[in-house]
Structures are given as structure tokens and as C-alpha cells.
Amino acid sequence: MSTAKTRILIADDHPMVRDWLSQMINREPDLMVCGETSDAAQTLAKIPVLKPDMAIVDLTMDDSRGTELICELGERFKDLPVLVLSMHRESLYAERALRAGAKGYITKQEASHKIKEAIRAVLSGQIYISEAHASKMIREMASRPPNAPRLLLDSLTERQLKVLRLIGDGYSNPQIAEKLSLSINTVESYSTRLKEKLNLATANELLQYAIKFNKAIGD
């Protein structure tokens, strides 16, 4: 008698990544990819139809609002475990994803040799995160500026966090606007909102905070 395979949905906006993951997963005797989606809207629409046992979700799809999608998946599909697949190495993103409700976090760089381990850990009810990320998260928690965990994890949006990182890397507002395909006015609005949320008075204070923040979380 054949045993029913565990059904996995892949949500990623890169076709090559979806194909690569599908090939690896479908080679396993007890796993199968039941569907693929390329954006957040498709993902939310297809889950009730495909009824996957697990979802592997890219953190930064084009129409995705980062961890907001993870939160929405948790609210709509409480019993669906989510493994986040991300291009971001920073463990800050791992912590944000786990706090939003994901059961695991793996980078695309790690996935080639760790994806099956991560899938099986999450399916068995464990929280999956690499040892390197776990160690880095502990170091970051000890070295962040005062109140940074709450401000950065609970208050800043994904785009605000990206702008903060770029400010700390020395980019000017016009350069940030070009890099993120935004208007200069929009970037200036992000900077203003960052100062409000971080309780900073001037652009120079924001710059110094951003530099310290980047040093604290590392690359």
C-alpha cells in the first residue's frame, strides 16, 4: 500500500527557485509539491483549494508586505506550518519571521543542502533555524541599542528597515530613491517617519543611529 505524501506549497516569485525546490522535494518518497505561487495574493487564494500540509514562503515577493504575509497566513490558516525561504542572511529577518508566526527560517544560500532537514523539522513540530543564525541572533540581542528589539521588530515596516540600513551604509536620499525605485519625496517621508519612531530629532542623529544599528546586526 502506498502512503499519502506530505503536500507542500511553494510561494516564490522566481520561477527558477520554484523549479529547483520542486525538483529537490519531489525526489523525496514522502514529499510532494502540490502547487506553486508567485505572489502573496495567489498564495492566500490557492491554499484553501490546494490544502497543503506546509508552505515554503519567500519573505520578499513583489506584492508581499514581508512579515505581514506570514501574520496573515497564521490568522487564516492556523494549522498550516510555514517555512520562510529568504535571500536575507541577517538573523534580524529570521527573528522577525519567527515572531510573525513562521515555524522555520532558511536562506536561499543554505537551502541547497539544508532544505530537506528544515522541512522535516518544521513538519515534526520543531522550530528550524540554522546554528549560525541562532548564534548570531543571541549576539545581536546582546549588542543592539537600548529598546532596539521592540522599535525595530514591532514598529518598523520592512521598507523602513531597508531605508534605515541604506542610511547606515552611507547612501544619500537621492541614492536611496534610485536604489529602491522611489521618489525622493517618498524617501524623505520614510526618513521623517523613522525619526519619529526612533525618537530622533535630526538627520544626523538618524544617521548615527543607523550606523550603530548596522554594526550591531552585522552583515
N, C-alpha and C. Protein backbone atom coordinates (compact mmCIF):
# COMPACT_ATOMS: atom_id res chain seq x y z
N MET A 1 0.85 -1.20 0.00
CA MET A 1 0.00 0.00 0.00
C MET A 1 0.88 1.24 0.00
N SER A 2 0.48 2.23 -0.78
CA SER A 2 1.25 3.47 -0.86
C SER A 2 0.81 4.41 0.25
N THR A 3 1.77 5.11 0.81
CA THR A 3 1.49 6.08 1.86
C THR A 3 1.29 7.45 1.24
N ALA A 4 0.27 8.17 1.73
CA ALA A 4 0.00 9.51 1.20
C ALA A 4 1.20 10.42 1.46
N LYS A 5 1.54 11.19 0.46
CA LYS A 5 2.69 12.08 0.59
C LYS A 5 2.29 13.40 1.25
N THR A 6 3.23 14.00 1.95
CA THR A 6 3.02 15.32 2.54
C THR A 6 3.02 16.37 1.44
N ARG A 7 1.98 17.20 1.42
CA ARG A 7 1.77 18.17 0.34
C ARG A 7 2.38 19.52 0.74
N ILE A 8 3.20 20.05 -0.15
CA ILE A 8 3.91 21.30 0.13
C ILE A 8 3.63 22.33 -0.95
N LEU A 9 3.29 23.53 -0.53
CA LEU A 9 3.10 24.66 -1.45
C LEU A 9 4.35 25.52 -1.45
N ILE A 10 4.83 25.90 -2.63
CA ILE A 10 5.99 26.79 -2.75
C ILE A 10 5.51 28.16 -3.23
N ALA A 11 5.81 29.20 -2.46
CA ALA A 11 5.45 30.58 -2.82
C ALA A 11 6.72 31.40 -2.98
N ASP A 12 7.08 31.66 -4.23
CA ASP A 12 8.30 32.42 -4.54
C ASP A 12 8.12 33.06 -5.90
N ASP A 13 8.58 34.31 -6.05
CA ASP A 13 8.35 35.00 -7.31
C ASP A 13 9.44 34.74 -8.35
N HIS A 14 10.36 33.82 -8.07
CA HIS A 14 11.39 33.47 -9.04
C HIS A 14 11.13 32.06 -9.57
N PRO A 15 10.78 31.92 -10.85
CA PRO A 15 10.47 30.61 -11.41
C PRO A 15 11.60 29.60 -11.24
N MET A 16 12.85 30.05 -11.39
CA MET A 16 13.97 29.13 -11.27
C MET A 16 14.08 28.56 -9.85
N VAL A 17 13.78 29.40 -8.85
CA VAL A 17 13.81 28.94 -7.46
C VAL A 17 12.71 27.91 -7.24
N ARG A 18 11.51 28.19 -7.76
CA ARG A 18 10.40 27.24 -7.61
C ARG A 18 10.72 25.91 -8.27
N ASP A 19 11.30 25.95 -9.48
CA ASP A 19 11.64 24.71 -10.18
C ASP A 19 12.69 23.91 -9.41
N TRP A 20 13.68 24.62 -8.92
CA TRP A 20 14.78 23.99 -8.18
C TRP A 20 14.27 23.32 -6.91
N LEU A 21 13.44 24.04 -6.16
CA LEU A 21 12.88 23.47 -4.94
C LEU A 21 11.97 22.28 -5.25
N SER A 22 11.14 22.43 -6.27
CA SER A 22 10.22 21.36 -6.64
C SER A 22 10.97 20.08 -6.97
N GLN A 23 12.06 20.20 -7.70
CA GLN A 23 12.84 19.02 -8.07
C GLN A 23 13.41 18.33 -6.84
N MET A 24 13.95 19.11 -5.91
CA MET A 24 14.52 18.52 -4.70
C MET A 24 13.45 17.85 -3.84
N ILE A 25 12.31 18.52 -3.69
CA ILE A 25 11.25 17.99 -2.83
C ILE A 25 10.59 16.76 -3.45
N ASN A 26 10.33 16.81 -4.75
CA ASN A 26 9.63 15.71 -5.41
C ASN A 26 10.47 14.44 -5.51
N ARG A 27 11.77 14.57 -5.28
CA ARG A 27 12.62 13.37 -5.27
C ARG A 27 12.47 12.58 -3.97
N GLU A 28 11.89 13.21 -2.93
CA GLU A 28 11.71 12.53 -1.66
C GLU A 28 10.48 11.61 -1.72
N PRO A 29 10.59 10.40 -1.21
CA PRO A 29 9.48 9.45 -1.35
C PRO A 29 8.21 9.83 -0.59
N ASP A 30 8.36 10.67 0.43
CA ASP A 30 7.20 11.02 1.26
C ASP A 30 6.74 12.46 1.11
N LEU A 31 7.37 13.20 0.18
CA LEU A 31 7.02 14.61 -0.01
C LEU A 31 6.62 14.88 -1.45
N MET A 32 5.77 15.89 -1.64
CA MET A 32 5.41 16.30 -3.00
C MET A 32 5.01 17.76 -2.99
N VAL A 33 5.29 18.44 -4.10
CA VAL A 33 4.86 19.83 -4.27
C VAL A 33 3.46 19.79 -4.88
N CYS A 34 2.50 20.32 -4.15
CA CYS A 34 1.11 20.30 -4.62
C CYS A 34 0.74 21.54 -5.41
N GLY A 35 1.61 22.56 -5.37
CA GLY A 35 1.32 23.78 -6.11
C GLY A 35 2.40 24.83 -5.92
N GLU A 36 2.39 25.81 -6.83
CA GLU A 36 3.34 26.91 -6.77
C GLU A 36 2.61 28.23 -6.96
N THR A 37 3.07 29.26 -6.27
CA THR A 37 2.50 30.59 -6.44
C THR A 37 3.64 31.59 -6.55
N SER A 38 3.35 32.74 -7.15
CA SER A 38 4.40 33.73 -7.39
C SER A 38 4.18 35.04 -6.65
N ASP A 39 3.07 35.16 -5.92
CA ASP A 39 2.86 36.38 -5.15
C ASP A 39 1.96 36.08 -3.96
N ALA A 40 1.82 37.07 -3.10
CA ALA A 40 1.06 36.88 -1.86
C ALA A 40 -0.42 36.62 -2.14
N ALA A 41 -0.99 37.35 -3.09
CA ALA A 41 -2.42 37.19 -3.39
C ALA A 41 -2.72 35.77 -3.87
N GLN A 42 -1.90 35.25 -4.77
CA GLN A 42 -2.07 33.87 -5.24
C GLN A 42 -1.95 32.88 -4.09
N THR A 43 -1.00 33.12 -3.24
CA THR A 43 -0.76 32.21 -2.11
C THR A 43 -1.99 32.12 -1.22
N LEU A 44 -2.54 33.27 -0.85
CA LEU A 44 -3.70 33.29 0.02
C LEU A 44 -4.92 32.67 -0.65
N ALA A 45 -5.01 32.82 -1.98
CA ALA A 45 -6.16 32.27 -2.72
C ALA A 45 -6.06 30.77 -2.94
N LYS A 46 -4.86 30.25 -3.14
CA LYS A 46 -4.70 28.85 -3.50
C LYS A 46 -4.65 27.89 -2.32
N ILE A 47 -4.28 28.37 -1.17
CA ILE A 47 -4.17 27.47 -0.02
C ILE A 47 -5.49 26.74 0.28
N PRO A 48 -6.64 27.45 0.28
CA PRO A 48 -7.89 26.73 0.56
C PRO A 48 -8.22 25.69 -0.51
N VAL A 49 -7.74 25.90 -1.72
CA VAL A 49 -8.03 24.98 -2.83
C VAL A 49 -7.09 23.79 -2.81
N LEU A 50 -5.80 24.07 -2.65
CA LEU A 50 -4.79 23.01 -2.71
C LEU A 50 -4.64 22.23 -1.40
N LYS A 51 -5.02 22.89 -0.30
CA LYS A 51 -4.94 22.25 1.02
C LYS A 51 -3.55 21.63 1.31
N PRO A 52 -2.50 22.44 1.26
CA PRO A 52 -1.16 21.90 1.55
C PRO A 52 -1.01 21.57 3.03
N ASP A 53 -0.06 20.70 3.33
CA ASP A 53 0.27 20.39 4.73
C ASP A 53 1.31 21.36 5.27
N MET A 54 1.95 22.10 4.35
CA MET A 54 3.02 23.01 4.74
C MET A 54 3.24 23.98 3.60
N ALA A 55 3.71 25.19 3.91
CA ALA A 55 4.04 26.18 2.89
C ALA A 55 5.47 26.66 3.06
N ILE A 56 6.19 26.75 1.94
CA ILE A 56 7.51 27.37 1.93
C ILE A 56 7.34 28.72 1.26
N VAL A 57 7.62 29.79 1.98
CA VAL A 57 7.25 31.14 1.54
C VAL A 57 8.46 32.05 1.48
N ASP A 58 8.64 32.70 0.33
CA ASP A 58 9.67 33.72 0.18
C ASP A 58 9.24 34.95 0.97
N LEU A 59 10.14 35.53 1.72
CA LEU A 59 9.81 36.66 2.57
C LEU A 59 9.59 37.95 1.79
N THR A 60 10.15 38.04 0.58
CA THR A 60 10.11 39.31 -0.15
C THR A 60 9.63 39.14 -1.59
N MET A 61 8.44 38.58 -1.76
CA MET A 61 7.84 38.55 -3.09
C MET A 61 7.39 39.95 -3.48
N ASP A 62 7.18 40.18 -4.77
CA ASP A 62 6.92 41.53 -5.27
C ASP A 62 5.76 42.22 -4.57
N ASP A 63 4.64 41.50 -4.37
CA ASP A 63 3.48 42.15 -3.76
C ASP A 63 3.37 41.83 -2.27
N SER A 64 4.40 41.19 -1.73
CA SER A 64 4.37 40.79 -0.33
C SER A 64 4.77 41.93 0.57
N ARG A 65 4.15 41.99 1.73
CA ARG A 65 4.48 43.01 2.72
C ARG A 65 5.35 42.40 3.80
N GLY A 66 6.27 41.54 3.37
CA GLY A 66 7.21 40.94 4.31
C GLY A 66 6.52 40.08 5.34
N THR A 67 6.77 40.37 6.61
CA THR A 67 6.22 39.55 7.68
C THR A 67 4.71 39.69 7.81
N GLU A 68 4.12 40.70 7.19
CA GLU A 68 2.67 40.83 7.23
C GLU A 68 2.00 39.64 6.56
N LEU A 69 2.59 39.12 5.50
CA LEU A 69 2.05 37.93 4.84
C LEU A 69 2.10 36.74 5.78
N ILE A 70 3.21 36.59 6.51
CA ILE A 70 3.33 35.48 7.46
C ILE A 70 2.25 35.60 8.53
N CYS A 71 2.02 36.80 9.02
CA CYS A 71 0.97 37.02 10.01
C CYS A 71 -0.40 36.65 9.45
N GLU A 72 -0.66 37.06 8.21
CA GLU A 72 -1.96 36.78 7.59
C GLU A 72 -2.17 35.28 7.38
N LEU A 73 -1.11 34.59 6.99
CA LEU A 73 -1.21 33.14 6.84
C LEU A 73 -1.55 32.49 8.18
N GLY A 74 -0.93 32.98 9.24
CA GLY A 74 -1.21 32.44 10.57
C GLY A 74 -2.63 32.69 11.02
N GLU A 75 -3.18 33.85 10.66
CA GLU A 75 -4.54 34.19 11.05
C GLU A 75 -5.57 33.38 10.26
N ARG A 76 -5.31 33.19 8.96
CA ARG A 76 -6.29 32.50 8.11
C ARG A 76 -6.16 30.98 8.18
N PHE A 77 -4.93 30.50 8.31
CA PHE A 77 -4.69 29.05 8.25
C PHE A 77 -3.84 28.65 9.46
N LYS A 78 -4.47 28.58 10.60
CA LYS A 78 -3.77 28.43 11.88
C LYS A 78 -2.96 27.14 11.96
N ASP A 79 -3.41 26.10 11.28
CA ASP A 79 -2.73 24.80 11.38
C ASP A 79 -1.70 24.57 10.28
N LEU A 80 -1.45 25.58 9.46
CA LEU A 80 -0.51 25.44 8.35
C LEU A 80 0.88 25.91 8.77
N PRO A 81 1.85 25.01 8.92
CA PRO A 81 3.21 25.46 9.26
C PRO A 81 3.88 26.14 8.07
N VAL A 82 4.59 27.21 8.35
CA VAL A 82 5.24 28.00 7.30
C VAL A 82 6.75 28.00 7.52
N LEU A 83 7.48 27.62 6.49
CA LEU A 83 8.94 27.72 6.48
C LEU A 83 9.31 28.88 5.58
N VAL A 84 10.00 29.87 6.12
CA VAL A 84 10.40 31.04 5.33
C VAL A 84 11.70 30.75 4.59
N LEU A 85 11.68 31.03 3.30
CA LEU A 85 12.88 30.94 2.46
C LEU A 85 13.24 32.36 2.07
N SER A 86 14.45 32.81 2.39
CA SER A 86 14.78 34.22 2.21
C SER A 86 16.16 34.42 1.61
N MET A 87 16.33 35.51 0.89
CA MET A 87 17.64 35.88 0.38
C MET A 87 18.46 36.59 1.46
N HIS A 88 17.82 36.98 2.55
CA HIS A 88 18.49 37.76 3.59
C HIS A 88 19.23 36.85 4.56
N ARG A 89 20.52 37.10 4.74
CA ARG A 89 21.31 36.35 5.70
C ARG A 89 21.13 36.89 7.12
N GLU A 90 20.76 38.15 7.27
CA GLU A 90 20.72 38.76 8.59
C GLU A 90 19.74 38.03 9.48
N SER A 91 20.16 37.68 10.68
CA SER A 91 19.27 36.98 11.58
C SER A 91 18.16 37.87 12.12
N LEU A 92 18.31 39.19 11.92
CA LEU A 92 17.22 40.09 12.27
C LEU A 92 15.96 39.68 11.53
N TYR A 93 16.10 39.34 10.24
CA TYR A 93 14.94 38.94 9.45
C TYR A 93 14.39 37.61 9.96
N ALA A 94 15.27 36.72 10.38
CA ALA A 94 14.83 35.44 10.92
C ALA A 94 13.97 35.68 12.16
N GLU A 95 14.44 36.56 13.03
CA GLU A 95 13.69 36.83 14.26
C GLU A 95 12.33 37.44 13.94
N ARG A 96 12.30 38.37 12.99
CA ARG A 96 11.03 38.98 12.59
C ARG A 96 10.07 37.93 12.06
N ALA A 97 10.57 37.02 11.22
CA ALA A 97 9.72 35.98 10.63
C ALA A 97 9.17 35.05 11.70
N LEU A 98 10.01 34.65 12.64
CA LEU A 98 9.56 33.75 13.70
C LEU A 98 8.56 34.43 14.62
N ARG A 99 8.79 35.69 14.91
CA ARG A 99 7.85 36.43 15.75
C ARG A 99 6.51 36.60 15.04
N ALA A 100 6.53 36.64 13.71
CA ALA A 100 5.29 36.79 12.93
C ALA A 100 4.51 35.48 12.85
N GLY A 101 5.15 34.37 13.21
CA GLY A 101 4.43 33.09 13.21
C GLY A 101 5.04 31.99 12.39
N ALA A 102 6.12 32.26 11.66
CA ALA A 102 6.77 31.21 10.88
C ALA A 102 7.36 30.17 11.83
N LYS A 103 7.43 28.93 11.36
CA LYS A 103 7.98 27.84 12.16
C LYS A 103 9.43 27.54 11.81
N GLY A 104 9.96 28.21 10.79
CA GLY A 104 11.34 28.00 10.43
C GLY A 104 11.82 29.08 9.48
N TYR A 105 13.14 29.23 9.38
CA TYR A 105 13.74 30.25 8.52
C TYR A 105 15.01 29.68 7.93
N ILE A 106 15.11 29.71 6.61
CA ILE A 106 16.31 29.23 5.93
C ILE A 106 16.63 30.17 4.77
N THR A 107 17.90 30.46 4.58
CA THR A 107 18.29 31.32 3.48
C THR A 107 18.40 30.50 2.20
N LYS A 108 18.31 31.19 1.07
CA LYS A 108 18.44 30.50 -0.21
C LYS A 108 19.85 29.95 -0.38
N GLN A 109 20.82 30.58 0.28
CA GLN A 109 22.19 30.07 0.20
C GLN A 109 22.31 28.73 0.94
N GLU A 110 21.57 28.57 2.03
CA GLU A 110 21.62 27.34 2.81
C GLU A 110 20.75 26.23 2.24
N ALA A 111 19.73 26.62 1.47
CA ALA A 111 18.67 25.69 1.10
C ALA A 111 19.17 24.50 0.28
N SER A 112 20.21 24.69 -0.52
CA SER A 112 20.67 23.60 -1.38
C SER A 112 21.05 22.35 -0.60
N HIS A 113 21.53 22.50 0.63
CA HIS A 113 21.94 21.33 1.41
C HIS A 113 21.20 21.19 2.74
N LYS A 114 20.28 22.12 3.03
CA LYS A 114 19.58 22.07 4.31
C LYS A 114 18.05 22.06 4.18
N ILE A 115 17.52 22.21 2.96
CA ILE A 115 16.08 22.38 2.82
C ILE A 115 15.31 21.17 3.33
N LYS A 116 15.78 19.96 3.05
CA LYS A 116 15.05 18.76 3.49
C LYS A 116 15.07 18.66 5.02
N GLU A 117 16.20 18.99 5.60
CA GLU A 117 16.30 19.00 7.07
C GLU A 117 15.33 20.00 7.66
N ALA A 118 15.25 21.19 7.06
CA ALA A 118 14.36 22.24 7.56
C ALA A 118 12.90 21.82 7.42
N ILE A 119 12.54 21.24 6.27
CA ILE A 119 11.16 20.80 6.04
C ILE A 119 10.75 19.77 7.08
N ARG A 120 11.59 18.79 7.29
CA ARG A 120 11.22 17.71 8.21
C ARG A 120 11.17 18.19 9.66
N ALA A 121 12.03 19.14 10.01
CA ALA A 121 11.99 19.71 11.36
C ALA A 121 10.67 20.43 11.60
N VAL A 122 10.27 21.26 10.64
CA VAL A 122 9.03 22.02 10.78
C VAL A 122 7.82 21.08 10.79
N LEU A 123 7.82 20.08 9.93
CA LEU A 123 6.70 19.13 9.89
C LEU A 123 6.57 18.33 11.19
N SER A 124 7.69 18.15 11.88
CA SER A 124 7.65 17.39 13.14
C SER A 124 7.30 18.27 14.33
N GLY A 125 7.02 19.55 14.07
CA GLY A 125 6.61 20.46 15.14
C GLY A 125 7.73 21.26 15.76
N GLN A 126 8.94 21.13 15.23
CA GLN A 126 10.07 21.88 15.76
C GLN A 126 10.16 23.26 15.09
N ILE A 127 10.91 24.16 15.72
CA ILE A 127 11.27 25.44 15.11
C ILE A 127 12.63 25.24 14.46
N TYR A 128 12.73 25.57 13.17
CA TYR A 128 14.01 25.38 12.48
C TYR A 128 14.70 26.72 12.25
N ILE A 129 15.95 26.78 12.65
CA ILE A 129 16.83 27.90 12.30
C ILE A 129 18.25 27.35 12.36
N SER A 130 19.09 27.79 11.46
CA SER A 130 20.45 27.23 11.42
C SER A 130 21.22 27.60 12.68
N GLU A 131 22.23 26.80 13.00
CA GLU A 131 23.04 27.09 14.19
C GLU A 131 23.74 28.44 14.06
N ALA A 132 24.18 28.76 12.85
CA ALA A 132 24.86 30.05 12.64
C ALA A 132 23.92 31.21 12.93
N HIS A 133 22.66 31.10 12.44
CA HIS A 133 21.69 32.15 12.69
C HIS A 133 21.34 32.24 14.16
N ALA A 134 21.19 31.11 14.81
CA ALA A 134 20.84 31.12 16.23
C ALA A 134 21.92 31.81 17.05
N SER A 135 23.18 31.50 16.76
CA SER A 135 24.29 32.14 17.48
C SER A 135 24.32 33.63 17.21
N LYS A 136 24.08 34.01 15.96
CA LYS A 136 24.13 35.42 15.60
C LYS A 136 22.98 36.19 16.26
N MET A 137 21.80 35.57 16.35
CA MET A 137 20.67 36.22 16.99
C MET A 137 20.98 36.51 18.46
N ILE A 138 21.63 35.57 19.13
CA ILE A 138 21.98 35.78 20.53
C ILE A 138 22.96 36.95 20.67
N ARG A 139 23.95 37.01 19.76
CA ARG A 139 24.92 38.12 19.82
C ARG A 139 24.24 39.45 19.56
N GLU A 140 23.31 39.47 18.60
CA GLU A 140 22.62 40.72 18.27
C GLU A 140 21.76 41.21 19.43
N MET A 141 21.06 40.28 20.08
CA MET A 141 20.20 40.67 21.19
C MET A 141 21.02 41.33 22.30
N ALA A 142 22.27 40.90 22.45
CA ALA A 142 23.13 41.46 23.49
C ALA A 142 23.75 42.79 23.09
N SER A 143 23.79 43.08 21.77
CA SER A 143 24.54 44.25 21.33
C SER A 143 23.69 45.35 20.72
N ARG A 144 22.38 45.14 20.59
CA ARG A 144 21.55 46.18 20.00
C ARG A 144 21.45 47.40 20.89
N PRO A 145 21.17 48.57 20.29
CA PRO A 145 20.96 49.78 21.09
C PRO A 145 19.76 49.59 22.02
N PRO A 146 19.68 50.40 23.11
CA PRO A 146 18.55 50.29 24.03
C PRO A 146 17.22 50.39 23.31
N ASN A 147 16.28 49.52 23.67
CA ASN A 147 14.93 49.49 23.11
C ASN A 147 14.88 49.08 21.65
N ALA A 148 16.01 48.73 21.05
CA ALA A 148 16.00 48.38 19.63
C ALA A 148 15.12 47.19 19.30
N PRO A 149 15.09 46.12 20.11
CA PRO A 149 14.25 44.99 19.73
C PRO A 149 12.80 45.39 19.51
N ARG A 150 12.20 46.14 20.43
CA ARG A 150 10.80 46.50 20.26
C ARG A 150 10.63 47.47 19.11
N LEU A 151 11.48 48.51 19.05
CA LEU A 151 11.34 49.50 17.99
C LEU A 151 11.52 48.89 16.62
N LEU A 152 12.54 48.06 16.48
CA LEU A 152 12.85 47.55 15.16
C LEU A 152 12.01 46.35 14.78
N LEU A 153 11.66 45.53 15.71
CA LEU A 153 10.91 44.33 15.37
C LEU A 153 9.42 44.56 15.36
N ASP A 154 8.92 45.43 16.19
CA ASP A 154 7.48 45.62 16.30
C ASP A 154 6.98 46.87 15.60
N SER A 155 7.83 47.83 15.38
CA SER A 155 7.37 49.11 14.87
C SER A 155 7.74 49.37 13.42
N LEU A 156 8.97 49.08 13.03
CA LEU A 156 9.39 49.41 11.67
C LEU A 156 8.83 48.43 10.64
N THR A 157 8.41 48.98 9.51
CA THR A 157 7.98 48.13 8.40
C THR A 157 9.22 47.61 7.67
N GLU A 158 9.02 46.65 6.77
CA GLU A 158 10.14 46.12 6.01
C GLU A 158 10.83 47.22 5.20
N ARG A 159 10.05 48.11 4.58
CA ARG A 159 10.65 49.17 3.76
C ARG A 159 11.38 50.18 4.63
N GLN A 160 10.82 50.52 5.80
CA GLN A 160 11.50 51.44 6.70
C GLN A 160 12.82 50.84 7.18
N LEU A 161 12.81 49.55 7.45
CA LEU A 161 14.03 48.88 7.87
C LEU A 161 15.08 48.93 6.77
N LYS A 162 14.64 48.73 5.53
CA LYS A 162 15.57 48.79 4.39
C LYS A 162 16.17 50.19 4.25
N VAL A 163 15.34 51.21 4.39
CA VAL A 163 15.83 52.60 4.30
C VAL A 163 16.83 52.87 5.42
N LEU A 164 16.53 52.40 6.62
CA LEU A 164 17.45 52.58 7.75
C LEU A 164 18.80 51.94 7.46
N ARG A 165 18.78 50.72 6.91
CA ARG A 165 20.04 50.04 6.59
C ARG A 165 20.84 50.83 5.55
N LEU A 166 20.16 51.36 4.55
CA LEU A 166 20.85 52.11 3.49
C LEU A 166 21.41 53.43 4.02
N ILE A 167 20.67 54.08 4.92
CA ILE A 167 21.20 55.30 5.54
C ILE A 167 22.48 54.97 6.30
N GLY A 168 22.46 53.87 7.04
CA GLY A 168 23.64 53.46 7.79
C GLY A 168 24.80 53.07 6.91
N ASP A 169 24.51 52.65 5.67
CA ASP A 169 25.57 52.30 4.72
C ASP A 169 26.12 53.51 3.99
N GLY A 170 25.57 54.70 4.30
CA GLY A 170 26.12 55.93 3.73
C GLY A 170 25.43 56.44 2.48
N TYR A 171 24.29 55.87 2.13
CA TYR A 171 23.59 56.34 0.93
C TYR A 171 22.83 57.62 1.24
N SER A 172 22.82 58.55 0.27
CA SER A 172 22.04 59.79 0.40
C SER A 172 20.59 59.50 0.00
N ASN A 173 19.68 60.44 0.29
CA ASN A 173 18.28 60.26 -0.08
C ASN A 173 18.10 60.04 -1.59
N PRO A 174 18.76 60.83 -2.46
CA PRO A 174 18.63 60.56 -3.90
C PRO A 174 19.13 59.17 -4.28
N GLN A 175 20.21 58.73 -3.66
CA GLN A 175 20.75 57.40 -3.97
C GLN A 175 19.79 56.30 -3.50
N ILE A 176 19.19 56.50 -2.31
CA ILE A 176 18.22 55.53 -1.81
C ILE A 176 17.00 55.48 -2.72
N ALA A 177 16.56 56.66 -3.15
CA ALA A 177 15.41 56.72 -4.06
C ALA A 177 15.68 55.93 -5.34
N GLU A 178 16.88 56.10 -5.89
CA GLU A 178 17.22 55.38 -7.12
C GLU A 178 17.34 53.88 -6.86
N LYS A 179 17.93 53.52 -5.74
CA LYS A 179 18.15 52.10 -5.43
C LYS A 179 16.84 51.36 -5.20
N LEU A 180 15.87 52.03 -4.58
CA LEU A 180 14.59 51.40 -4.25
C LEU A 180 13.48 51.75 -5.23
N SER A 181 13.82 52.49 -6.29
CA SER A 181 12.84 52.92 -7.31
C SER A 181 11.70 53.72 -6.67
N LEU A 182 12.07 54.69 -5.84
CA LEU A 182 11.11 55.55 -5.18
C LEU A 182 11.40 57.00 -5.53
N SER A 183 10.46 57.89 -5.25
CA SER A 183 10.72 59.31 -5.42
C SER A 183 11.51 59.81 -4.22
N ILE A 184 12.22 60.92 -4.42
CA ILE A 184 12.98 61.50 -3.30
C ILE A 184 12.04 61.90 -2.18
N ASN A 185 10.87 62.44 -2.53
CA ASN A 185 9.90 62.83 -1.51
C ASN A 185 9.47 61.65 -0.65
N THR A 186 9.31 60.50 -1.30
CA THR A 186 8.91 59.30 -0.55
C THR A 186 10.00 58.87 0.41
N VAL A 187 11.25 58.92 -0.04
CA VAL A 187 12.37 58.56 0.84
C VAL A 187 12.45 59.54 2.00
N GLU A 188 12.25 60.81 1.73
CA GLU A 188 12.28 61.81 2.80
C GLU A 188 11.17 61.53 3.82
N SER A 189 10.01 61.07 3.32
CA SER A 189 8.91 60.73 4.22
C SER A 189 9.29 59.53 5.10
N TYR A 190 9.96 58.55 4.50
CA TYR A 190 10.43 57.40 5.28
C TYR A 190 11.41 57.85 6.36
N SER A 191 12.31 58.76 6.00
CA SER A 191 13.30 59.24 6.97
C SER A 191 12.61 59.98 8.12
N THR A 192 11.62 60.78 7.78
CA THR A 192 10.88 61.51 8.81
C THR A 192 10.17 60.55 9.75
N ARG A 193 9.56 59.52 9.17
CA ARG A 193 8.84 58.53 9.99
C ARG A 193 9.81 57.73 10.87
N LEU A 194 10.98 57.45 10.33
CA LEU A 194 11.99 56.75 11.12
C LEU A 194 12.40 57.58 12.34
N LYS A 195 12.61 58.86 12.13
CA LYS A 195 12.99 59.72 13.25
C LYS A 195 11.90 59.74 14.32
N GLU A 196 10.64 59.76 13.87
CA GLU A 196 9.53 59.76 14.82
C GLU A 196 9.50 58.46 15.63
N LYS A 197 9.63 57.34 14.92
CA LYS A 197 9.53 56.05 15.60
C LYS A 197 10.72 55.78 16.52
N LEU A 198 11.89 56.29 16.13
CA LEU A 198 13.09 56.05 16.91
C LEU A 198 13.39 57.18 17.89
N ASN A 199 12.49 58.16 17.93
CA ASN A 199 12.63 59.29 18.87
C ASN A 199 13.93 60.04 18.64
N LEU A 200 14.20 60.36 17.37
CA LEU A 200 15.41 61.09 16.99
C LEU A 200 15.00 62.45 16.44
N ALA A 201 15.82 63.47 16.70
CA ALA A 201 15.43 64.84 16.35
C ALA A 201 15.95 65.28 14.98
N THR A 202 17.14 64.84 14.61
CA THR A 202 17.77 65.37 13.40
C THR A 202 18.21 64.25 12.45
N ALA A 203 18.52 64.66 11.23
CA ALA A 203 19.01 63.70 10.24
C ALA A 203 20.34 63.10 10.68
N ASN A 204 21.16 63.91 11.34
CA ASN A 204 22.46 63.40 11.79
C ASN A 204 22.28 62.34 12.89
N GLU A 205 21.33 62.56 13.79
CA GLU A 205 21.04 61.56 14.83
C GLU A 205 20.56 60.26 14.18
N LEU A 206 19.73 60.38 13.13
CA LEU A 206 19.26 59.20 12.42
C LEU A 206 20.42 58.47 11.76
N LEU A 207 21.33 59.23 11.17
CA LEU A 207 22.50 58.64 10.52
C LEU A 207 23.35 57.89 11.54
N GLN A 208 23.62 58.51 12.69
CA GLN A 208 24.44 57.86 13.71
C GLN A 208 23.76 56.61 14.25
N TYR A 209 22.45 56.69 14.44
CA TYR A 209 21.71 55.51 14.91
C TYR A 209 21.80 54.39 13.88
N ALA A 210 21.62 54.75 12.59
CA ALA A 210 21.65 53.75 11.54
C ALA A 210 23.03 53.08 11.44
N ILE A 211 24.08 53.85 11.60
CA ILE A 211 25.44 53.29 11.57
C ILE A 211 25.63 52.31 12.72
N LYS A 212 25.21 52.71 13.91
CA LYS A 212 25.35 51.83 15.08
C LYS A 212 24.50 50.57 14.91
N PHE A 213 23.32 50.75 14.34
CA PHE A 213 22.44 49.60 14.12
C PHE A 213 23.07 48.60 13.16
N ASN A 214 23.62 49.11 12.05
CA ASN A 214 24.25 48.22 11.08
C ASN A 214 25.43 47.47 11.70
N LYS A 215 26.19 48.16 12.53
CA LYS A 215 27.32 47.49 13.19
C LYS A 215 26.83 46.43 14.16
N ALA A 216 25.70 46.71 14.81
CA ALA A 216 25.19 45.77 15.80
C ALA A 216 24.69 44.48 15.19
N ILE A 217 24.02 44.57 14.03
CA ILE A 217 23.48 43.35 13.44
C ILE A 217 24.45 42.69 12.47
N GLY A 218 25.46 43.42 12.02
CA GLY A 218 26.44 42.83 11.13
C GLY A 218 25.90 42.59 9.76
N ASP A 219 26.65 41.85 8.93
CA ASP A 219 26.26 41.56 7.55
C ASP A 219 25.60 40.21 7.46
